[in-house]
PDB file of N, CA and C in Angstrom:
ATOM      1  N   MET A   1      66.443 158.805 106.706  1.00  0.00           N
ATOM      2  CA  MET A   1      67.585 158.130 106.108  1.00  0.00           C
ATOM      3  C   MET A   1      68.721 159.143 105.970  1.00  0.00           C
ATOM      4  N   CYS A   2      69.907 158.749 106.304  1.00  0.00           N
ATOM      5  CA  CYS A   2      71.071 159.621 106.223  1.00  0.00           C
ATOM      6  C   CYS A   2      71.717 159.511 104.840  1.00  0.00           C
ATOM      7  N   HIS A   3      72.231 160.594 104.372  1.00  0.00           N
ATOM      8  CA  HIS A   3      73.030 160.589 103.144  1.00  0.00           C
ATOM      9  C   HIS A   3      74.347 161.253 103.483  1.00  0.00           C
ATOM     10  N   GLN A   4      75.357 160.432 103.754  1.00  0.00           N
ATOM     11  CA  GLN A   4      76.658 160.940 104.169  1.00  0.00           C
ATOM     12  C   GLN A   4      77.679 160.673 103.072  1.00  0.00           C
ATOM     13  N   THR A   5      78.668 161.518 102.995  1.00  0.00           N
ATOM     14  CA  THR A   5      79.775 161.299 102.087  1.00  0.00           C
ATOM     15  C   THR A   5      80.700 160.262 102.702  1.00  0.00           C
ATOM     16  N   PRO A   6      81.091 159.227 101.924  1.00  0.00           N
ATOM     17  CA  PRO A   6      81.990 158.228 102.510  1.00  0.00           C
ATOM     18  C   PRO A   6      83.352 158.842 102.813  1.00  0.00           C
ATOM     19  N   ILE A   7      83.749 158.752 104.055  1.00  0.00           N
ATOM     20  CA  ILE A   7      85.040 159.296 104.486  1.00  0.00           C
ATOM     21  C   ILE A   7      85.756 158.222 105.283  1.00  0.00           C
ATOM     22  N   ASP A   8      86.962 157.868 104.862  1.00  0.00           N
ATOM     23  CA  ASP A   8      87.717 156.905 105.641  1.00  0.00           C
ATOM     24  C   ASP A   8      89.011 157.500 106.170  1.00  0.00           C
ATOM     25  N   LYS A   9      89.315 158.724 105.751  1.00  0.00           N
ATOM     26  CA  LYS A   9      90.503 159.393 106.267  1.00  0.00           C
ATOM     27  C   LYS A   9      90.218 160.874 106.386  1.00  0.00           C
ATOM     28  N   ILE A  10      90.903 161.505 107.313  1.00  0.00           N
ATOM     29  CA  ILE A  10      90.801 162.950 107.470  1.00  0.00           C
ATOM     30  C   ILE A  10      92.114 163.549 106.995  1.00  0.00           C
ATOM     31  N   VAL A  11      92.033 164.562 106.187  1.00  0.00           N
ATOM     32  CA  VAL A  11      93.232 165.239 105.720  1.00  0.00           C
ATOM     33  C   VAL A  11      93.511 166.393 106.669  1.00  0.00           C
ATOM     34  N   VAL A  12      94.726 166.391 107.211  1.00  0.00           N
ATOM     35  CA  VAL A  12      95.123 167.407 108.171  1.00  0.00           C
ATOM     36  C   VAL A  12      96.239 168.239 107.555  1.00  0.00           C
ATOM     37  N   PRO A  13      95.976 169.522 107.275  1.00  0.00           N
ATOM     38  CA  PRO A  13      97.048 170.356 106.722  1.00  0.00           C
ATOM     39  C   PRO A  13      98.171 170.519 107.738  1.00  0.00           C
ATOM     40  N   ALA A  14      99.388 170.488 107.256  1.00  0.00           N
ATOM     41  CA  ALA A  14     100.544 170.622 108.132  1.00  0.00           C
ATOM     42  C   ALA A  14     100.747 172.089 108.511  1.00  0.00           C
ATOM     43  N   MET A  15     101.396 172.289 109.648  1.00  0.00           N
ATOM     44  CA  MET A  15     101.668 173.648 110.104  1.00  0.00           C
ATOM     45  C   MET A  15     102.878 174.249 109.397  1.00  0.00           C
ATOM     46  N   TYR A  16     103.743 173.403 108.843  1.00  0.00           N
ATOM     47  CA  TYR A  16     104.941 173.889 108.180  1.00  0.00           C
ATOM     48  C   TYR A  16     104.925 173.407 106.737  1.00  0.00           C
ATOM     49  N   ASP A  17     105.420 174.224 105.831  1.00  0.00           N
ATOM     50  CA  ASP A  17     105.394 173.888 104.403  1.00  0.00           C
ATOM     51  C   ASP A  17     106.135 172.595 104.088  1.00  0.00           C
ATOM     52  N   GLY A  18     107.188 172.289 104.809  1.00  0.00           N
ATOM     53  CA  GLY A  18     107.990 171.117 104.522  1.00  0.00           C
ATOM     54  C   GLY A  18     107.302 169.796 104.853  1.00  0.00           C
ATOM     55  N   GLU A  19     106.243 169.847 105.655  1.00  0.00           N
ATOM     56  CA  GLU A  19     105.592 168.611 106.082  1.00  0.00           C
ATOM     57  C   GLU A  19     104.572 168.088 105.085  1.00  0.00           C
ATOM     58  N   GLY A  20     103.981 168.930 104.265  1.00  0.00           N
ATOM     59  CA  GLY A  20     102.976 168.479 103.315  1.00  0.00           C
ATOM     60  C   GLY A  20     101.661 168.156 103.999  1.00  0.00           C
ATOM     61  N   ILE A  21     100.908 167.218 103.421  1.00  0.00           N
ATOM     62  CA  ILE A  21      99.608 166.823 103.957  1.00  0.00           C
ATOM     63  C   ILE A  21      99.733 165.444 104.575  1.00  0.00           C
ATOM     64  N   THR A  22      99.150 165.278 105.755  1.00  0.00           N
ATOM     65  CA  THR A  22      99.197 164.009 106.476  1.00  0.00           C
ATOM     66  C   THR A  22      97.787 163.440 106.542  1.00  0.00           C
ATOM     67  N   THR A  23      97.656 162.129 106.346  1.00  0.00           N
ATOM     68  CA  THR A  23      96.356 161.493 106.523  1.00  0.00           C
ATOM     69  C   THR A  23      96.382 160.685 107.801  1.00  0.00           C
ATOM     70  N   MET A  24      95.250 160.695 108.492  1.00  0.00           N
ATOM     71  CA  MET A  24      95.140 159.961 109.744  1.00  0.00           C
ATOM     72  C   MET A  24      93.955 159.011 109.637  1.00  0.00           C
ATOM     73  N   PRO A  25      94.118 157.760 110.020  1.00  0.00           N
ATOM     74  CA  PRO A  25      92.976 156.840 109.961  1.00  0.00           C
ATOM     75  C   PRO A  25      91.895 157.220 110.965  1.00  0.00           C
ATOM     76  N   VAL A  26      90.666 156.990 110.584  1.00  0.00           N
ATOM     77  CA  VAL A  26      89.522 157.263 111.437  1.00  0.00           C
ATOM     78  C   VAL A  26      88.909 155.923 111.816  1.00  0.00           C
ATOM     79  N   PRO A  27      88.583 155.715 113.091  1.00  0.00           N
ATOM     80  CA  PRO A  27      87.976 154.442 113.458  1.00  0.00           C
ATOM     81  C   PRO A  27      86.645 154.276 112.736  1.00  0.00           C
ATOM     82  N   GLY A  28      86.435 153.107 112.178  1.00  0.00           N
ATOM     83  CA  GLY A  28      85.209 152.854 111.439  1.00  0.00           C
ATOM     84  C   GLY A  28      84.690 151.459 111.704  1.00  0.00           C
ATOM     85  N   ARG A  29      83.443 151.235 111.313  1.00  0.00           N
ATOM     86  CA  ARG A  29      82.828 149.920 111.444  1.00  0.00           C
ATOM     87  C   ARG A  29      82.234 149.555 110.096  1.00  0.00           C
ATOM     88  N   ARG A  30      82.172 148.262 109.841  1.00  0.00           N
ATOM     89  CA  ARG A  30      81.564 147.818 108.601  1.00  0.00           C
ATOM     90  C   ARG A  30      80.046 147.842 108.745  1.00  0.00           C
ATOM     91  N   CYS A  31      79.357 148.253 107.700  1.00  0.00           N
ATOM     92  CA  CYS A  31      77.901 148.287 107.709  1.00  0.00           C
ATOM     93  C   CYS A  31      77.379 146.855 107.726  1.00  0.00           C
ATOM     94  N   PRO A  32      76.557 146.487 108.731  1.00  0.00           N
ATOM     95  CA  PRO A  32      76.078 145.114 108.819  1.00  0.00           C
ATOM     96  C   PRO A  32      75.146 144.726 107.673  1.00  0.00           C
ATOM     97  N   ALA A  33      74.334 145.673 107.199  1.00  0.00           N
ATOM     98  CA  ALA A  33      73.409 145.356 106.103  1.00  0.00           C
ATOM     99  C   ALA A  33      74.174 145.092 104.806  1.00  0.00           C
ATOM    100  N   CYS A  34      75.164 145.896 104.512  1.00  0.00           N
ATOM    101  CA  CYS A  34      75.968 145.695 103.300  1.00  0.00           C
ATOM    102  C   CYS A  34      76.815 144.436 103.435  1.00  0.00           C
ATOM    103  N   LEU A  35      77.296 144.165 104.646  1.00  0.00           N
ATOM    104  CA  LEU A  35      78.116 142.984 104.882  1.00  0.00           C
ATOM    105  C   LEU A  35      77.320 141.713 104.599  1.00  0.00           C
ATOM    106  N   GLU A  36      76.018 141.706 104.937  1.00  0.00           N
ATOM    107  CA  GLU A  36      75.174 140.549 104.642  1.00  0.00           C
ATOM    108  C   GLU A  36      75.042 140.315 103.140  1.00  0.00           C
ATOM    109  N   ARG A  37      75.121 141.393 102.361  1.00  0.00           N
ATOM    110  CA  ARG A  37      75.037 141.265 100.902  1.00  0.00           C
ATOM    111  C   ARG A  37      76.392 140.948 100.279  1.00  0.00           C
ATOM    112  N   GLY A  38      77.417 140.881 101.107  1.00  0.00           N
ATOM    113  CA  GLY A  38      78.748 140.556 100.604  1.00  0.00           C
ATOM    114  C   GLY A  38      79.589 141.774 100.258  1.00  0.00           C
ATOM    115  N   ASP A  39      79.089 142.983 100.583  1.00  0.00           N
ATOM    116  CA  ASP A  39      79.841 144.207 100.323  1.00  0.00           C
ATOM    117  C   ASP A  39      80.513 144.677 101.611  1.00  0.00           C
ATOM    118  N   THR A  40      81.680 145.276 101.487  1.00  0.00           N
ATOM    119  CA  THR A  40      82.362 145.844 102.643  1.00  0.00           C
ATOM    120  C   THR A  40      82.319 147.356 102.507  1.00  0.00           C
ATOM    121  N   VAL A  41      81.527 147.989 103.363  1.00  0.00           N
ATOM    122  CA  VAL A  41      81.415 149.447 103.375  1.00  0.00           C
ATOM    123  C   VAL A  41      81.744 149.915 104.779  1.00  0.00           C
ATOM    124  N   TRP A  42      82.756 150.774 104.902  1.00  0.00           N
ATOM    125  CA  TRP A  42      83.172 151.283 106.212  1.00  0.00           C
ATOM    126  C   TRP A  42      82.413 152.555 106.524  1.00  0.00           C
ATOM    127  N   VAL A  43      81.949 152.657 107.772  1.00  0.00           N
ATOM    128  CA  VAL A  43      81.144 153.792 108.217  1.00  0.00           C
ATOM    129  C   VAL A  43      81.693 154.290 109.553  1.00  0.00           C
ATOM    130  N   ILE A  44      81.719 155.591 109.723  1.00  0.00           N
ATOM    131  CA  ILE A  44      82.115 156.173 111.004  1.00  0.00           C
ATOM    132  C   ILE A  44      81.000 155.877 111.997  1.00  0.00           C
ATOM    133  N   PRO A  45      81.319 155.332 113.179  1.00  0.00           N
ATOM    134  CA  PRO A  45      80.275 155.033 114.164  1.00  0.00           C
ATOM    135  C   PRO A  45      79.413 156.262 114.465  1.00  0.00           C
ATOM    136  N   GLY A  46      78.106 156.046 114.520  1.00  0.00           N
ATOM    137  CA  GLY A  46      77.179 157.131 114.761  1.00  0.00           C
ATOM    138  C   GLY A  46      76.629 157.749 113.489  1.00  0.00           C
ATOM    139  N   LYS A  47      77.152 157.338 112.339  1.00  0.00           N
ATOM    140  CA  LYS A  47      76.695 157.857 111.046  1.00  0.00           C
ATOM    141  C   LYS A  47      75.901 156.777 110.324  1.00  0.00           C
ATOM    142  N   CYS A  48      75.343 157.127 109.187  1.00  0.00           N
ATOM    143  CA  CYS A  48      74.601 156.180 108.364  1.00  0.00           C
ATOM    144  C   CYS A  48      75.457 155.725 107.198  1.00  0.00           C
ATOM    145  N   CYS A  49      75.238 154.505 106.766  1.00  0.00           N
ATOM    146  CA  CYS A  49      75.963 153.943 105.633  1.00  0.00           C
ATOM    147  C   CYS A  49      75.665 154.766 104.384  1.00  0.00           C
ATOM    148  N   PRO A  50      76.700 155.187 103.636  1.00  0.00           N
ATOM    149  CA  PRO A  50      76.469 155.988 102.432  1.00  0.00           C
ATOM    150  C   PRO A  50      75.847 155.176 101.303  1.00  0.00           C
ATOM    151  N   VAL A  51      75.911 153.861 101.375  1.00  0.00           N
ATOM    152  CA  VAL A  51      75.378 153.017 100.307  1.00  0.00           C
ATOM    153  C   VAL A  51      73.903 152.693 100.540  1.00  0.00           C
ATOM    154  N   CYS A  52      73.579 152.204 101.745  1.00  0.00           N
ATOM    155  CA  CYS A  52      72.214 151.738 101.994  1.00  0.00           C
ATOM    156  C   CYS A  52      71.456 152.582 103.009  1.00  0.00           C
ATOM    157  N   GLY A  53      72.129 153.478 103.736  1.00  0.00           N
ATOM    158  CA  GLY A  53      71.457 154.347 104.702  1.00  0.00           C
ATOM    159  C   GLY A  53      71.245 153.754 106.076  1.00  0.00           C
ATOM    160  N   THR A  54      71.784 152.560 106.339  1.00  0.00           N
ATOM    161  CA  THR A  54      71.632 151.919 107.640  1.00  0.00           C
ATOM    162  C   THR A  54      72.447 152.657 108.705  1.00  0.00           C
ATOM    163  N   PRO A  55      71.835 153.043 109.840  1.00  0.00           N
ATOM    164  CA  PRO A  55      72.604 153.667 110.921  1.00  0.00           C
ATOM    165  C   PRO A  55      73.593 152.664 111.517  1.00  0.00           C
ATOM    166  N   VAL A  56      74.802 153.102 111.752  1.00  0.00           N
ATOM    167  CA  VAL A  56      75.853 152.239 112.304  1.00  0.00           C
ATOM    168  C   VAL A  56      76.293 152.832 113.633  1.00  0.00           C
ATOM    169  N   SER A  57      76.209 152.022 114.700  1.00  0.00           N
ATOM    170  CA  SER A  57      76.601 152.530 116.020  1.00  0.00           C
ATOM    171  C   SER A  57      77.935 151.969 116.443  1.00  0.00           C
TER     172      SER A  57
END
């Protein structure tokens, strides 16, 4: 069973001080097991759901 930290965005430090921090969306899929229970949990493809541990491809 996988235990992953839920991540839906990656923080990318800027190269110049004036730009600050930029967030970029990461492609994700909803966990099918959690979705059946009525919960929406986004998982990075190839990882396990942080809530129930179901592998998501």
